[in-house]
C-alpha atoms as a PDB file:
ATOM      1  CA  UNK A   1     166.559  60.666  43.559  1.00  0.00           C
ATOM      2  CA  UNK A   2     167.964  63.692  41.777  1.00  0.00           C
ATOM      3  CA  UNK A   3     171.014  61.572  42.581  1.00  0.00           C
ATOM      4  CA  UNK A   4     170.285  58.660  40.639  1.00  0.00           C
ATOM      5  CA  UNK A   5     169.129  60.509  37.447  1.00  0.00           C
ATOM      6  CA  UNK A   6     172.148  62.520  37.439  1.00  0.00           C
ATOM      7  CA  UNK A   7     174.037  59.324  37.418  1.00  0.00           C
ATOM      8  CA  UNK A   8     171.952  57.515  35.057  1.00  0.00           C
ATOM      9  CA  UNK A   9     172.235  60.389  32.031  1.00  0.00           C
ATOM     10  CA  UNK A  10     175.985  60.229  33.339  1.00  0.00           C
ATOM     11  CA  UNK A  11     175.954  56.515  32.416  1.00  0.00           C
ATOM     12  CA  UNK A  12     174.257  56.704  29.327  1.00  0.00           C
ATOM     13  CA  UNK A  13     175.860  60.121  27.265  1.00  0.00           C
ATOM     14  CA  UNK A  14     178.567  57.204  25.918  1.00  0.00           C
ATOM     15  CA  UNK A  15     175.786  55.290  24.378  1.00  0.00           C
ATOM     16  CA  UNK A  16     174.153  58.446  23.709  1.00  0.00           C
ATOM     17  CA  UNK A  17     176.717  59.822  21.726  1.00  0.00           C
ATOM     18  CA  UNK A  18     177.598  56.575  20.328  1.00  0.00           C
ATOM     19  CA  UNK A  19     174.077  56.145  18.514  1.00  0.00           C
ATOM     20  CA  UNK A  20     174.383  59.885  17.655  1.00  0.00           C
ATOM     21  CA  UNK A  21     177.236  59.167  15.836  1.00  0.00           C
ATOM     22  CA  UNK A  22     176.461  56.093  14.077  1.00  0.00           C
ATOM     23  CA  UNK A  23     172.988  58.230  12.555  1.00  0.00           C
ATOM     24  CA  UNK A  24     175.197  60.495  11.436  1.00  0.00           C
ATOM     25  CA  UNK A  25     177.400  58.564   9.657  1.00  0.00           C
ATOM     26  CA  UNK A  26     174.946  56.516   8.004  1.00  0.00           C
ATOM     27  CA  UNK A  27     173.071  60.348   7.246  1.00  0.00           C
ATOM     28  CA  UNK A  28     176.423  61.613   5.744  1.00  0.00           C
ATOM     29  CA  UNK A  29     177.908  58.168   3.714  1.00  0.00           C
ATOM     30  CA  UNK A  30     175.876  57.224   0.424  1.00  0.00           C
ATOM     31  CA  UNK A  31     174.474  54.025  -0.267  1.00  0.00           C
ATOM     32  CA  UNK A  32     178.066  51.811  -1.458  1.00  0.00           C
ATOM     33  CA  UNK A  33     176.789  51.436  -5.132  1.00  0.00           C
ATOM     34  CA  UNK A  34     176.550  54.856  -5.509  1.00  0.00           C
ATOM     35  CA  UNK A  35     179.992  55.829  -4.512  1.00  0.00           C
ATOM     36  CA  UNK A  36     182.007  53.148  -6.062  1.00  0.00           C
ATOM     37  CA  UNK A  37     179.892  51.494  -8.676  1.00  0.00           C
ATOM     38  CA  UNK A  38     177.653  48.261  -8.717  1.00  0.00           C
ATOM     39  CA  UNK A  39     181.337  46.144  -9.986  1.00  0.00           C
ATOM     40  CA  UNK A  40     182.728  46.875  -6.236  1.00  0.00           C
ATOM     41  CA  UNK A  41     179.449  47.543  -4.141  1.00  0.00           C
ATOM     42  CA  UNK A  42     179.877  43.470  -1.927  1.00  0.00           C
ATOM     43  CA  UNK A  43     183.991  45.221  -0.937  1.00  0.00           C
ATOM     44  CA  UNK A  44     182.281  48.636   0.252  1.00  0.00           C
ATOM     45  CA  UNK A  45     179.664  47.125   2.176  1.00  0.00           C
ATOM     46  CA  UNK A  46     182.384  45.196   4.514  1.00  0.00           C
ATOM     47  CA  UNK A  47     184.647  49.177   4.602  1.00  0.00           C
ATOM     48  CA  UNK A  48     181.937  50.989   5.065  1.00  0.00           C
ATOM     49  CA  UNK A  49     180.671  48.915   8.437  1.00  0.00           C
ATOM     50  CA  UNK A  50     184.476  49.302   9.512  1.00  0.00           C
ATOM     51  CA  UNK A  51     184.267  52.743   9.444  1.00  0.00           C
ATOM     52  CA  UNK A  52     180.915  53.377  10.577  1.00  0.00           C
ATOM     53  CA  UNK A  53     182.124  51.494  14.255  1.00  0.00           C
ATOM     54  CA  UNK A  54     185.038  53.207  14.416  1.00  0.00           C
ATOM     55  CA  UNK A  55     182.769  55.850  13.808  1.00  0.00           C
ATOM     56  CA  UNK A  56     180.855  54.742  16.866  1.00  0.00           C
ATOM     57  CA  UNK A  57     184.092  53.825  19.000  1.00  0.00           C
ATOM     58  CA  UNK A  58     185.119  57.377  18.634  1.00  0.00           C
ATOM     59  CA  UNK A  59     181.588  58.834  20.089  1.00  0.00           C
ATOM     60  CA  UNK A  60     181.616  56.473  22.499  1.00  0.00           C
ATOM     61  CA  UNK A  61     185.269  57.613  23.632  1.00  0.00           C
ATOM     62  CA  UNK A  62     183.982  61.586  23.709  1.00  0.00           C
ATOM     63  CA  UNK A  63     181.170  60.450  25.457  1.00  0.00           C
ATOM     64  CA  UNK A  64     183.008  58.283  27.809  1.00  0.00           C
ATOM     65  CA  UNK A  65     185.654  61.983  28.241  1.00  0.00           C
ATOM     66  CA  UNK A  66     182.715  64.024  28.765  1.00  0.00           C
ATOM     67  CA  UNK A  67     181.001  62.151  30.829  1.00  0.00           C
ATOM     68  CA  UNK A  68     183.421  61.758  33.318  1.00  0.00           C
ATOM     69  CA  UNK A  69     184.957  65.098  32.984  1.00  0.00           C
ATOM     70  CA  UNK A  70     181.296  66.496  33.751  1.00  0.00           C
ATOM     71  CA  UNK A  71     181.149  63.914  36.754  1.00  0.00           C
ATOM     72  CA  UNK A  72     183.901  64.725  37.598  1.00  0.00           C
ATOM     73  CA  UNK A  73     182.910  68.923  37.837  1.00  0.00           C
ATOM     74  CA  UNK A  74     179.769  68.416  39.520  1.00  0.00           C
ATOM     75  CA  UNK A  75     181.501  65.555  42.035  1.00  0.00           C
ATOM     76  CA  UNK A  76     184.006  68.713  43.150  1.00  0.00           C
ATOM     77  CA  UNK A  77     181.109  71.062  42.868  1.00  0.00           C
ATOM     78  CA  UNK A  78     179.353  69.058  45.784  1.00  0.00           C
ATOM     79  CA  UNK A  79     181.889  68.618  47.884  1.00  0.00           C
ATOM     80  CA  UNK A  80     182.930  72.303  48.264  1.00  0.00           C
ATOM     81  CA  UNK A  81     178.824  72.902  49.095  1.00  0.00           C
ATOM     82  CA  UNK A  82     179.213  70.180  51.650  1.00  0.00           C
ATOM     83  CA  UNK A  83     181.835  71.648  53.259  1.00  0.00           C
ATOM     84  CA  UNK A  84     180.895  74.618  52.873  1.00  0.00           C
ATOM     85  CA  UNK A  85     177.746  73.812  55.475  1.00  0.00           C
ATOM     86  CA  UNK A  86     179.890  72.015  57.684  1.00  0.00           C
ATOM     87  CA  UNK A  87     182.426  74.796  57.937  1.00  0.00           C
ATOM     88  CA  UNK A  88     179.485  77.295  58.475  1.00  0.00           C
ATOM     89  CA  UNK A  89     177.264  75.200  61.094  1.00  0.00           C
ATOM     90  CA  UNK A  90     180.637  74.396  63.057  1.00  0.00           C
ATOM     91  CA  UNK A  91     181.710  78.150  63.464  1.00  0.00           C
ATOM     92  CA  UNK A  92     177.694  79.134  65.099  1.00  0.00           C
ATOM     93  CA  UNK A  93     178.590  79.336  69.000  1.00  0.00           C
ATOM     94  CA  UNK A  94     176.689  76.931  71.220  1.00  0.00           C
ATOM     95  CA  UNK A  95     174.016  77.812  73.289  1.00  0.00           C
ATOM     96  CA  UNK A  96     175.216  79.140  76.680  1.00  0.00           C
ATOM     97  CA  UNK A  97     178.822  79.446  74.944  1.00  0.00           C
ATOM     98  CA  UNK A  98     179.925  82.962  75.722  1.00  0.00           C
ATOM     99  CA  UNK A  99     181.333  84.714  72.509  1.00  0.00           C
END
């Protein structure tokens, strides 16, 4: 169950980063009418959606790289722990065997 939750969190990271970056973009970006005036607000809305989509894509890309790096590091750490336990088991002498 622990492995399932770890993988679930790793898979959710890109989605969370994309949603967070999209929300951040909407908080820092003002309305089109306030930025360029009422005359050009129609053109600005389309451009603003394009920029928000790019911002979300960049956030998802960063989340993907972070999740891949974190997953690789966790897997490498787990393999080293498993190798330590198997090497410790192999080094113990068997019963009845002279040491």
